[in-house]
PDB file of all heavy atoms in Angstrom:
ATOM      1  N   SER A   1       0.837  -1.190  -0.013  1.00  0.00           N
ATOM      2  CA  SER A   1       0.000  -0.011   0.046  1.00  0.00           C
ATOM      3  C   SER A   1       0.868   1.270   0.032  1.00  0.00           C
ATOM      4  O   SER A   1       0.651   2.218  -0.754  1.00  0.00           O
ATOM      5  CB  SER A   1      -0.895   0.007   1.239  1.00  0.00           C
ATOM      6  OG  SER A   1      -1.785  -1.100   1.205  1.00  0.00           O
ATOM      7  N   LEU A   2       1.874   1.286   0.866  1.00  0.00           N
ATOM      8  CA  LEU A   2       2.813   2.427   0.843  1.00  0.00           C
ATOM      9  C   LEU A   2       3.487   2.596  -0.526  1.00  0.00           C
ATOM     10  O   LEU A   2       3.676   3.703  -0.983  1.00  0.00           O
ATOM     11  CB  LEU A   2       3.841   2.196   1.954  1.00  0.00           C
ATOM     12  CG  LEU A   2       3.399   2.341   3.429  1.00  0.00           C
ATOM     13  CD1 LEU A   2       4.499   1.982   4.375  1.00  0.00           C
ATOM     14  CD2 LEU A   2       2.845   3.716   3.681  1.00  0.00           C
ATOM     15  N   THR A   3       3.848   1.442  -1.126  1.00  0.00           N
ATOM     16  CA  THR A   3       4.569   1.499  -2.471  1.00  0.00           C
ATOM     17  C   THR A   3       3.531   2.240  -3.469  1.00  0.00           C
ATOM     18  O   THR A   3       3.982   3.048  -4.243  1.00  0.00           O
ATOM     19  CB  THR A   3       4.875   0.155  -2.938  1.00  0.00           C
ATOM     20  OG1 THR A   3       5.765  -0.457  -2.015  1.00  0.00           O
ATOM     21  CG2 THR A   3       5.571   0.110  -4.346  1.00  0.00           C
ATOM     22  N   ILE A   4       2.265   1.795  -3.446  1.00  0.00           N
ATOM     23  CA  ILE A   4       1.298   2.367  -4.387  1.00  0.00           C
ATOM     24  C   ILE A   4       1.187   3.907  -4.084  1.00  0.00           C
ATOM     25  O   ILE A   4       1.075   4.711  -4.983  1.00  0.00           O
ATOM     26  CB  ILE A   4      -0.049   1.663  -4.166  1.00  0.00           C
ATOM     27  CG1 ILE A   4       0.120   0.201  -4.775  1.00  0.00           C
ATOM     28  CG2 ILE A   4      -1.144   2.397  -5.018  1.00  0.00           C
ATOM     29  CD1 ILE A   4      -1.135  -0.599  -4.413  1.00  0.00           C
ATOM     30  N   VAL A   5       1.147   4.233  -2.824  1.00  0.00           N
ATOM     31  CA  VAL A   5       0.992   5.639  -2.469  1.00  0.00           C
ATOM     32  C   VAL A   5       2.156   6.469  -3.001  1.00  0.00           C
ATOM     33  O   VAL A   5       1.937   7.538  -3.598  1.00  0.00           O
ATOM     34  CB  VAL A   5       0.893   5.801  -0.908  1.00  0.00           C
ATOM     35  CG1 VAL A   5       1.047   7.257  -0.529  1.00  0.00           C
ATOM     36  CG2 VAL A   5      -0.410   5.265  -0.394  1.00  0.00           C
ATOM     37  N   PHE A   6       3.379   5.956  -2.815  1.00  0.00           N
ATOM     38  CA  PHE A   6       4.571   6.709  -3.312  1.00  0.00           C
ATOM     39  C   PHE A   6       4.639   6.691  -4.851  1.00  0.00           C
ATOM     40  O   PHE A   6       5.066   7.610  -5.460  1.00  0.00           O
ATOM     41  CB  PHE A   6       5.809   6.061  -2.683  1.00  0.00           C
ATOM     42  CG  PHE A   6       6.095   6.552  -1.322  1.00  0.00           C
ATOM     43  CD1 PHE A   6       6.142   5.648  -0.296  1.00  0.00           C
ATOM     44  CD2 PHE A   6       6.356   7.893  -1.086  1.00  0.00           C
ATOM     45  CE1 PHE A   6       6.438   6.106   1.032  1.00  0.00           C
ATOM     46  CE2 PHE A   6       6.647   8.300   0.236  1.00  0.00           C
ATOM     47  CZ  PHE A   6       6.645   7.390   1.247  1.00  0.00           C
ATOM     48  N   LEU A   7       4.095   5.629  -5.469  1.00  0.00           N
ATOM     49  CA  LEU A   7       4.051   5.665  -6.906  1.00  0.00           C
ATOM     50  C   LEU A   7       3.150   6.741  -7.453  1.00  0.00           C
ATOM     51  O   LEU A   7       3.513   7.485  -8.425  1.00  0.00           O
ATOM     52  CB  LEU A   7       3.535   4.244  -7.474  1.00  0.00           C
ATOM     53  CG  LEU A   7       4.563   3.112  -7.657  1.00  0.00           C
ATOM     54  CD1 LEU A   7       3.820   1.774  -7.917  1.00  0.00           C
ATOM     55  CD2 LEU A   7       5.476   3.480  -8.828  1.00  0.00           C
ATOM     56  N   ILE A   8       2.016   6.818  -6.843  1.00  0.00           N
ATOM     57  CA  ILE A   8       1.053   7.869  -7.177  1.00  0.00           C
ATOM     58  C   ILE A   8       1.644   9.223  -6.932  1.00  0.00           C
ATOM     59  O   ILE A   8       1.564  10.163  -7.763  1.00  0.00           O
ATOM     60  CB  ILE A   8      -0.256   7.730  -6.408  1.00  0.00           C
ATOM     61  CG1 ILE A   8      -0.962   6.425  -6.831  1.00  0.00           C
ATOM     62  CG2 ILE A   8      -1.201   8.884  -6.650  1.00  0.00           C
ATOM     63  CD1 ILE A   8      -2.188   6.115  -6.008  1.00  0.00           C
ATOM     64  N   ALA A   9       2.376   9.393  -5.768  1.00  0.00           N
ATOM     65  CA  ALA A   9       2.967  10.675  -5.477  1.00  0.00           C
ATOM     66  C   ALA A   9       4.017  11.089  -6.429  1.00  0.00           C
ATOM     67  O   ALA A   9       4.061  12.234  -6.879  1.00  0.00           O
ATOM     68  CB  ALA A   9       3.607  10.640  -4.040  1.00  0.00           C
ATOM     69  N   VAL A  10       4.873  10.169  -6.907  1.00  0.00           N
ATOM     70  CA  VAL A  10       5.878  10.494  -7.859  1.00  0.00           C
ATOM     71  C   VAL A  10       5.316  10.820  -9.186  1.00  0.00           C
ATOM     72  O   VAL A  10       5.738  11.728  -9.922  1.00  0.00           O
ATOM     73  CB  VAL A  10       6.902   9.270  -7.953  1.00  0.00           C
ATOM     74  CG1 VAL A  10       7.913   9.532  -9.094  1.00  0.00           C
ATOM     75  CG2 VAL A  10       7.706   9.180  -6.635  1.00  0.00           C
ATOM     76  N   VAL A  11       4.306  10.027  -9.609  1.00  0.00           N
ATOM     77  CA  VAL A  11       3.645  10.210 -10.888  1.00  0.00           C
ATOM     78  C   VAL A  11       3.085  11.664 -10.950  1.00  0.00           C
ATOM     79  O   VAL A  11       3.167  12.410 -11.974  1.00  0.00           O
ATOM     80  CB  VAL A  11       2.592   9.210 -11.198  1.00  0.00           C
ATOM     81  CG1 VAL A  11       1.735   9.587 -12.409  1.00  0.00           C
ATOM     82  CG2 VAL A  11       3.272   7.859 -11.493  1.00  0.00           C
ATOM     83  N   THR A  12       2.444  12.051  -9.837  1.00  0.00           N
ATOM     84  CA  THR A  12       1.831  13.375  -9.818  1.00  0.00           C
ATOM     85  C   THR A  12       2.822  14.518  -9.782  1.00  0.00           C
ATOM     86  O   THR A  12       2.555  15.679  -9.992  1.00  0.00           O
ATOM     87  CB  THR A  12       0.857  13.533  -8.664  1.00  0.00           C
ATOM     88  OG1 THR A  12       1.535  13.226  -7.407  1.00  0.00           O
ATOM     89  CG2 THR A  12      -0.249  12.586  -8.797  1.00  0.00           C
ATOM     90  N   LEU A  13       4.118  14.143  -9.398  1.00  0.00           N
ATOM     91  CA  LEU A  13       5.154  15.132  -9.383  1.00  0.00           C
ATOM     92  C   LEU A  13       5.547  15.670 -10.790  1.00  0.00           C
ATOM     93  O   LEU A  13       5.900  16.840 -10.963  1.00  0.00           O
ATOM     94  CB  LEU A  13       6.444  14.696  -8.727  1.00  0.00           C
ATOM     95  CG  LEU A  13       6.483  14.787  -7.165  1.00  0.00           C
ATOM     96  CD1 LEU A  13       7.787  14.156  -6.701  1.00  0.00           C
ATOM     97  CD2 LEU A  13       6.397  16.212  -6.699  1.00  0.00           C
ATOM     98  N   GLN A  14       5.395  14.759 -11.718  1.00  0.00           N
ATOM     99  CA  GLN A  14       5.817  15.111 -13.154  1.00  0.00           C
ATOM    100  C   GLN A  14       5.004  16.281 -13.704  1.00  0.00           C
ATOM    101  O   GLN A  14       5.622  17.196 -14.256  1.00  0.00           O
ATOM    102  CB  GLN A  14       5.639  13.861 -14.075  1.00  0.00           C
ATOM    103  CG  GLN A  14       6.207  14.061 -15.474  1.00  0.00           C
ATOM    104  CD  GLN A  14       7.751  14.189 -15.521  1.00  0.00           C
ATOM    105  OE1 GLN A  14       8.327  14.604 -14.574  1.00  0.00           O
ATOM    106  NE2 GLN A  14       8.255  13.947 -16.695  1.00  0.00           N
ATOM    107  N   PRO A  15       3.693  16.348 -13.624  1.00  0.00           N
ATOM    108  CA  PRO A  15       2.960  17.429 -14.096  1.00  0.00           C
ATOM    109  C   PRO A  15       3.416  18.820 -13.429  1.00  0.00           C
ATOM    110  O   PRO A  15       3.566  19.804 -14.140  1.00  0.00           O
ATOM    111  CB  PRO A  15       1.470  17.159 -13.754  1.00  0.00           C
ATOM    112  CG  PRO A  15       1.433  15.710 -13.658  1.00  0.00           C
ATOM    113  CD  PRO A  15       2.790  15.264 -13.096  1.00  0.00           C
ATOM    114  N   PHE A  16       3.672  18.771 -12.154  1.00  0.00           N
ATOM    115  CA  PHE A  16       4.195  19.955 -11.485  1.00  0.00           C
ATOM    116  C   PHE A  16       5.579  20.338 -11.995  1.00  0.00           C
ATOM    117  O   PHE A  16       5.958  21.526 -12.173  1.00  0.00           O
ATOM    118  CB  PHE A  16       4.215  19.726  -9.948  1.00  0.00           C
ATOM    119  CG  PHE A  16       2.905  19.706  -9.304  1.00  0.00           C
ATOM    120  CD1 PHE A  16       2.365  18.484  -8.925  1.00  0.00           C
ATOM    121  CD2 PHE A  16       2.178  20.880  -9.082  1.00  0.00           C
ATOM    122  CE1 PHE A  16       1.136  18.359  -8.297  1.00  0.00           C
ATOM    123  CE2 PHE A  16       0.912  20.805  -8.489  1.00  0.00           C
ATOM    124  CZ  PHE A  16       0.429  19.553  -8.108  1.00  0.00           C
ATOM    125  N   ALA A  17       6.427  19.283 -12.280  1.00  0.00           N
ATOM    126  CA  ALA A  17       7.732  19.573 -12.742  1.00  0.00           C
ATOM    127  C   ALA A  17       7.696  20.189 -14.184  1.00  0.00           C
ATOM    128  O   ALA A  17       8.399  21.101 -14.471  1.00  0.00           O
ATOM    129  CB  ALA A  17       8.515  18.269 -12.810  1.00  0.00           C
ATOM    130  N   VAL A  18       6.734  19.622 -14.958  1.00  0.00           N
ATOM    131  CA  VAL A  18       6.613  20.199 -16.379  1.00  0.00           C
ATOM    132  C   VAL A  18       6.136  21.668 -16.301  1.00  0.00           C
ATOM    133  O   VAL A  18       6.598  22.519 -16.968  1.00  0.00           O
ATOM    134  CB  VAL A  18       5.585  19.369 -17.172  1.00  0.00           C
ATOM    135  CG1 VAL A  18       5.253  20.006 -18.500  1.00  0.00           C
ATOM    136  CG2 VAL A  18       6.190  17.922 -17.389  1.00  0.00           C
ATOM    137  N   PHE A  19       5.154  21.898 -15.363  1.00  0.00           N
ATOM    138  CA  PHE A  19       4.660  23.212 -15.174  1.00  0.00           C
ATOM    139  C   PHE A  19       5.718  24.250 -14.728  1.00  0.00           C
ATOM    140  O   PHE A  19       5.801  25.360 -15.111  1.00  0.00           O
ATOM    141  CB  PHE A  19       3.436  23.217 -14.170  1.00  0.00           C
ATOM    142  CG  PHE A  19       2.878  24.561 -13.888  1.00  0.00           C
ATOM    143  CD1 PHE A  19       1.967  25.186 -14.803  1.00  0.00           C
ATOM    144  CD2 PHE A  19       3.251  25.194 -12.738  1.00  0.00           C
ATOM    145  CE1 PHE A  19       1.495  26.452 -14.564  1.00  0.00           C
ATOM    146  CE2 PHE A  19       2.722  26.511 -12.466  1.00  0.00           C
ATOM    147  CZ  PHE A  19       1.798  27.075 -13.410  1.00  0.00           C
ATOM    148  N   ALA A  20       6.664  23.662 -13.894  1.00  0.00           N
ATOM    149  CA  ALA A  20       7.716  24.475 -13.384  1.00  0.00           C
ATOM    150  C   ALA A  20       8.867  24.592 -14.410  1.00  0.00           C
ATOM    151  O   ALA A  20       9.901  25.313 -14.120  1.00  0.00           O
ATOM    152  CB  ALA A  20       8.207  23.905 -12.115  1.00  0.00           C
ATOM    153  N   GLY A  21       8.751  23.916 -15.542  1.00  0.00           N
ATOM    154  CA  GLY A  21       9.803  23.955 -16.490  1.00  0.00           C
ATOM    155  C   GLY A  21      11.029  23.100 -16.245  1.00  0.00           C
ATOM    156  O   GLY A  21      12.082  23.337 -16.766  1.00  0.00           O
ATOM    157  N   ALA A  22      10.790  22.071 -15.475  1.00  0.00           N
ATOM    158  CA  ALA A  22      11.903  21.165 -15.123  1.00  0.00           C
ATOM    159  C   ALA A  22      11.351  19.704 -15.176  1.00  0.00           C
ATOM    160  O   ALA A  22      11.338  18.974 -14.168  1.00  0.00           O
ATOM    161  CB  ALA A  22      12.373  21.426 -13.728  1.00  0.00           C
ATOM    162  N   PRO A  23      10.923  19.249 -16.348  1.00  0.00           N
ATOM    163  CA  PRO A  23      10.457  17.878 -16.483  1.00  0.00           C
ATOM    164  C   PRO A  23      11.587  16.850 -16.177  1.00  0.00           C
ATOM    165  O   PRO A  23      12.687  17.119 -16.428  1.00  0.00           O
ATOM    166  CB  PRO A  23      10.048  17.731 -17.980  1.00  0.00           C
ATOM    167  CG  PRO A  23      10.838  18.808 -18.655  1.00  0.00           C
ATOM    168  CD  PRO A  23      10.938  19.930 -17.694  1.00  0.00           C
ATOM    169  N   GLN A  24      11.139  15.794 -15.526  1.00  0.00           N
ATOM    170  CA  GLN A  24      12.139  14.764 -15.067  1.00  0.00           C
ATOM    171  C   GLN A  24      12.143  13.568 -16.014  1.00  0.00           C
ATOM    172  O   GLN A  24      11.120  13.198 -16.565  1.00  0.00           O
ATOM    173  CB  GLN A  24      11.789  14.368 -13.646  1.00  0.00           C
ATOM    174  CG  GLN A  24      11.742  15.460 -12.626  1.00  0.00           C
ATOM    175  CD  GLN A  24      13.069  16.192 -12.446  1.00  0.00           C
ATOM    176  OE1 GLN A  24      14.090  15.584 -12.449  1.00  0.00           O
ATOM    177  NE2 GLN A  24      13.000  17.480 -12.389  1.00  0.00           N
ATOM    178  N   SER A  25      13.286  12.934 -16.144  1.00  0.00           N
ATOM    179  CA  SER A  25      13.422  11.791 -17.059  1.00  0.00           C
ATOM    180  C   SER A  25      12.896  10.505 -16.369  1.00  0.00           C
ATOM    181  O   SER A  25      12.604  10.535 -15.096  1.00  0.00           O
ATOM    182  CB  SER A  25      14.892  11.481 -17.404  1.00  0.00           C
ATOM    183  OG  SER A  25      15.615  11.150 -16.278  1.00  0.00           O
ATOM    184  N   ILE A  26      12.725   9.448 -17.108  1.00  0.00           N
ATOM    185  CA  ILE A  26      12.231   8.165 -16.548  1.00  0.00           C
ATOM    186  C   ILE A  26      13.248   7.724 -15.462  1.00  0.00           C
ATOM    187  O   ILE A  26      12.809   7.184 -14.399  1.00  0.00           O
ATOM    188  CB  ILE A  26      12.146   7.102 -17.642  1.00  0.00           C
ATOM    189  CG1 ILE A  26      11.023   7.447 -18.630  1.00  0.00           C
ATOM    190  CG2 ILE A  26      11.925   5.701 -17.031  1.00  0.00           C
ATOM    191  CD1 ILE A  26       9.628   7.401 -17.992  1.00  0.00           C
ATOM    192  N   VAL A  27      14.450   7.874 -15.695  1.00  0.00           N
ATOM    193  CA  VAL A  27      15.585   7.448 -14.745  1.00  0.00           C
ATOM    194  C   VAL A  27      15.323   8.137 -13.440  1.00  0.00           C
ATOM    195  O   VAL A  27      15.357   7.532 -12.328  1.00  0.00           O
ATOM    196  CB  VAL A  27      16.891   7.644 -15.295  1.00  0.00           C
ATOM    197  CG1 VAL A  27      18.000   7.344 -14.212  1.00  0.00           C
ATOM    198  CG2 VAL A  27      17.232   6.849 -16.506  1.00  0.00           C
ATOM    199  N   VAL A  28      15.073   9.461 -13.456  1.00  0.00           N
ATOM    200  CA  VAL A  28      14.971  10.251 -12.205  1.00  0.00           C
ATOM    201  C   VAL A  28      13.660   9.796 -11.509  1.00  0.00           C
ATOM    202  O   VAL A  28      13.707   9.608 -10.287  1.00  0.00           O
ATOM    203  CB  VAL A  28      14.920  11.745 -12.560  1.00  0.00           C
ATOM    204  CG1 VAL A  28      14.512  12.521 -11.297  1.00  0.00           C
ATOM    205  CG2 VAL A  28      16.195  12.202 -13.072  1.00  0.00           C
ATOM    206  N   LEU A  29      12.566   9.606 -12.257  1.00  0.00           N
ATOM    207  CA  LEU A  29      11.316   9.217 -11.590  1.00  0.00           C
ATOM    208  C   LEU A  29      11.410   7.876 -10.946  1.00  0.00           C
ATOM    209  O   LEU A  29      10.899   7.620  -9.916  1.00  0.00           O
ATOM    210  CB  LEU A  29      10.171   9.272 -12.613  1.00  0.00           C
ATOM    211  CG  LEU A  29       9.843  10.670 -13.177  1.00  0.00           C
ATOM    212  CD1 LEU A  29       8.773  10.586 -14.221  1.00  0.00           C
ATOM    213  CD2 LEU A  29       9.311  11.598 -12.037  1.00  0.00           C
ATOM    214  N   VAL A  30      12.019   6.889 -11.683  1.00  0.00           N
ATOM    215  CA  VAL A  30      12.185   5.560 -11.101  1.00  0.00           C
ATOM    216  C   VAL A  30      13.051   5.637  -9.861  1.00  0.00           C
ATOM    217  O   VAL A  30      12.795   5.004  -8.883  1.00  0.00           O
ATOM    218  CB  VAL A  30      12.780   4.631 -12.180  1.00  0.00           C
ATOM    219  CG1 VAL A  30      13.248   3.329 -11.517  1.00  0.00           C
ATOM    220  CG2 VAL A  30      11.816   4.336 -13.329  1.00  0.00           C
ATOM    221  N   ALA A  31      14.140   6.406  -9.959  1.00  0.00           N
ATOM    222  CA  ALA A  31      15.049   6.447  -8.839  1.00  0.00           C
ATOM    223  C   ALA A  31      14.354   7.081  -7.574  1.00  0.00           C
ATOM    224  O   ALA A  31      14.519   6.651  -6.482  1.00  0.00           O
ATOM    225  CB  ALA A  31      16.277   7.293  -9.190  1.00  0.00           C
ATOM    226  N   LEU A  32      13.518   8.059  -7.896  1.00  0.00           N
ATOM    227  CA  LEU A  32      12.740   8.687  -6.779  1.00  0.00           C
ATOM    228  C   LEU A  32      11.743   7.698  -6.184  1.00  0.00           C
ATOM    229  O   LEU A  32      11.634   7.638  -4.920  1.00  0.00           O
ATOM    230  CB  LEU A  32      11.964   9.946  -7.329  1.00  0.00           C
ATOM    231  CG  LEU A  32      11.296  10.809  -6.324  1.00  0.00           C
ATOM    232  CD1 LEU A  32      12.306  11.319  -5.290  1.00  0.00           C
ATOM    233  CD2 LEU A  32      10.545  11.926  -6.947  1.00  0.00           C
ATOM    234  N   VAL A  33      11.110   6.927  -7.015  1.00  0.00           N
ATOM    235  CA  VAL A  33      10.155   5.885  -6.469  1.00  0.00           C
ATOM    236  C   VAL A  33      10.960   4.900  -5.571  1.00  0.00           C
ATOM    237  O   VAL A  33      10.499   4.619  -4.428  1.00  0.00           O
ATOM    238  CB  VAL A  33       9.463   5.166  -7.610  1.00  0.00           C
ATOM    239  CG1 VAL A  33       8.730   3.920  -7.064  1.00  0.00           C
ATOM    240  CG2 VAL A  33       8.491   6.047  -8.364  1.00  0.00           C
ATOM    241  N   VAL A  34      12.023   4.392  -6.122  1.00  0.00           N
ATOM    242  CA  VAL A  34      12.780   3.334  -5.340  1.00  0.00           C
ATOM    243  C   VAL A  34      13.362   3.959  -3.997  1.00  0.00           C
ATOM    244  O   VAL A  34      13.402   3.275  -3.017  1.00  0.00           O
ATOM    245  CB  VAL A  34      13.950   2.825  -6.192  1.00  0.00           C
ATOM    246  CG1 VAL A  34      14.869   1.933  -5.401  1.00  0.00           C
ATOM    247  CG2 VAL A  34      13.344   2.032  -7.421  1.00  0.00           C
ATOM    248  N   ALA A  35      13.727   5.211  -4.047  1.00  0.00           N
ATOM    249  CA  ALA A  35      14.253   5.822  -2.853  1.00  0.00           C
ATOM    250  C   ALA A  35      13.215   6.088  -1.821  1.00  0.00           C
ATOM    251  O   ALA A  35      13.480   6.074  -0.597  1.00  0.00           O
ATOM    252  CB  ALA A  35      14.952   7.135  -3.197  1.00  0.00           C
ATOM    253  N   LEU A  36      11.984   6.218  -2.216  1.00  0.00           N
ATOM    254  CA  LEU A  36      10.938   6.542  -1.268  1.00  0.00           C
ATOM    255  C   LEU A  36      10.158   5.386  -0.802  1.00  0.00           C
ATOM    256  O   LEU A  36       9.581   5.436   0.359  1.00  0.00           O
ATOM    257  CB  LEU A  36      10.035   7.575  -1.898  1.00  0.00           C
ATOM    258  CG  LEU A  36      10.624   8.908  -2.302  1.00  0.00           C
ATOM    259  CD1 LEU A  36       9.574   9.858  -2.833  1.00  0.00           C
ATOM    260  CD2 LEU A  36      11.327   9.531  -1.154  1.00  0.00           C
ATOM    261  N   ILE A  37      10.002   4.259  -1.533  1.00  0.00           N
ATOM    262  CA  ILE A  37       9.206   3.111  -1.155  1.00  0.00           C
ATOM    263  C   ILE A  37       9.984   2.416  -0.072  1.00  0.00           C
ATOM    264  O   ILE A  37      11.270   2.477   0.006  1.00  0.00           O
ATOM    265  CB  ILE A  37       8.747   2.190  -2.278  1.00  0.00           C
ATOM    266  CG1 ILE A  37      10.058   1.581  -3.006  1.00  0.00           C
ATOM    267  CG2 ILE A  37       7.957   3.013  -3.330  1.00  0.00           C
ATOM    268  CD1 ILE A  37       9.709   0.660  -4.064  1.00  0.00           C
TER     269      ILE A  37
END
């Protein structure tokens, strides 16, 4: 359940990152998920 929560949290970070002009690569997003779960 915690893993799913962090997956959702990281996925929702990408739209904010795009809006802020700093889109993240797949590698960064995967690394962030693994570091947080």
